[in-house]
């Protein structure tokens, strides 16, 4: 079965986010009253798995092995039902 998933990767609390800080500064410069901006990444992954449970296990493995740095990143994912 083909599954499509979205993986969202964010920095853990306490890690500096230079990209987010630069963006917040730029938004303030444009006149927006912004308290904070945190950057994140999103991946769209399409892959094969025999069932949803295996798809979740495979995607979690992909996240831990390549898509994130477990030391500094948090992640979550959403998997759509196969078509």
Protein backbone atom coordinates (compact mmCIF):
# COMPACT_ATOMS: atom_id res chain seq x y z
CA UNK A 1 0.00 0.00 0.00
CA UNK A 2 1.11 3.56 -0.70
CA UNK A 3 1.11 5.93 2.23
CA UNK A 4 1.68 9.69 2.22
CA UNK A 5 2.98 11.34 5.35
CA UNK A 6 3.92 14.81 6.50
CA UNK A 7 6.76 15.09 9.00
CA UNK A 8 7.12 18.30 11.02
CA UNK A 9 10.50 19.00 12.63
CA UNK A 10 11.03 21.71 15.27
CA UNK A 11 13.93 22.64 17.49
CA UNK A 12 13.56 21.54 21.09
CA UNK A 13 13.05 24.24 23.71
CA UNK A 14 16.27 25.88 24.78
CA UNK A 15 18.00 25.65 21.39
CA UNK A 16 18.72 28.90 19.62
CA UNK A 17 16.93 29.44 16.32
CA UNK A 18 18.93 31.96 14.26
CA UNK A 19 16.57 31.68 11.29
CA UNK A 20 13.53 32.33 13.49
CA UNK A 21 15.28 35.24 15.24
CA UNK A 22 16.21 36.83 11.90
CA UNK A 23 12.65 36.43 10.64
CA UNK A 24 11.20 37.94 13.82
CA UNK A 25 13.57 40.91 13.51
CA UNK A 26 12.56 41.42 9.86
CA UNK A 27 8.85 41.26 10.71
CA UNK A 28 9.32 43.83 13.47
CA UNK A 29 11.15 46.02 10.94
CA UNK A 30 8.08 45.81 8.72
CA UNK A 31 5.92 47.08 11.59
CA UNK A 32 4.47 43.79 12.88
CA UNK A 33 4.21 43.33 16.63
CA UNK A 34 5.85 39.90 16.76
CA UNK A 35 6.98 38.36 20.05
CA UNK A 36 8.79 35.32 18.66
CA UNK A 37 9.26 33.24 15.52
CA UNK A 38 10.46 29.65 15.53
CA UNK A 39 11.45 28.03 12.25
CA UNK A 40 10.57 24.44 11.38
CA UNK A 41 10.85 22.01 8.51
CA UNK A 42 8.17 19.93 6.85
CA UNK A 43 8.74 16.86 4.73
CA UNK A 44 6.21 15.12 2.50
CA UNK A 45 7.08 11.44 2.20
CA UNK A 46 5.34 8.87 -0.01
CA UNK A 47 6.29 5.26 0.65
CA UNK A 48 5.14 1.65 0.58
CA UNK A 49 4.18 -0.37 3.63
CA UNK A 50 2.00 -3.46 4.08
CA UNK A 51 -0.29 -1.77 6.66
CA UNK A 52 -0.72 1.37 8.75
CA UNK A 53 1.07 0.02 11.83
CA UNK A 54 4.14 -0.85 9.76
CA UNK A 55 3.91 2.53 7.99
CA UNK A 56 4.04 4.33 11.35
CA UNK A 57 7.00 2.21 12.47
CA UNK A 58 8.90 2.83 9.22
CA UNK A 59 8.24 6.57 9.30
CA UNK A 60 9.36 6.85 12.91
CA UNK A 61 12.56 5.03 11.92
CA UNK A 62 13.09 7.43 8.98
CA UNK A 63 12.71 10.37 11.37
CA UNK A 64 15.17 9.00 13.91
CA UNK A 65 17.76 7.89 11.34
CA UNK A 66 17.79 10.80 8.89
CA UNK A 67 15.08 13.44 8.99
CA UNK A 68 15.83 14.71 12.50
CA UNK A 69 18.66 15.13 14.95
CA UNK A 70 17.30 13.49 18.12
CA UNK A 71 19.59 15.63 20.27
CA UNK A 72 18.09 18.95 19.20
CA UNK A 73 14.89 18.22 17.27
CA UNK A 74 11.34 17.25 18.16
CA UNK A 75 9.12 15.80 15.47
CA UNK A 76 5.62 14.65 14.78
CA UNK A 77 4.03 13.14 11.73
CA UNK A 78 0.67 12.60 10.11
CA UNK A 79 0.01 9.66 7.82
CA UNK A 80 -2.90 9.67 5.40
CA UNK A 81 -4.86 6.52 4.67
CA UNK A 82 -3.68 4.64 1.59
CA UNK A 83 -5.49 5.16 -1.68
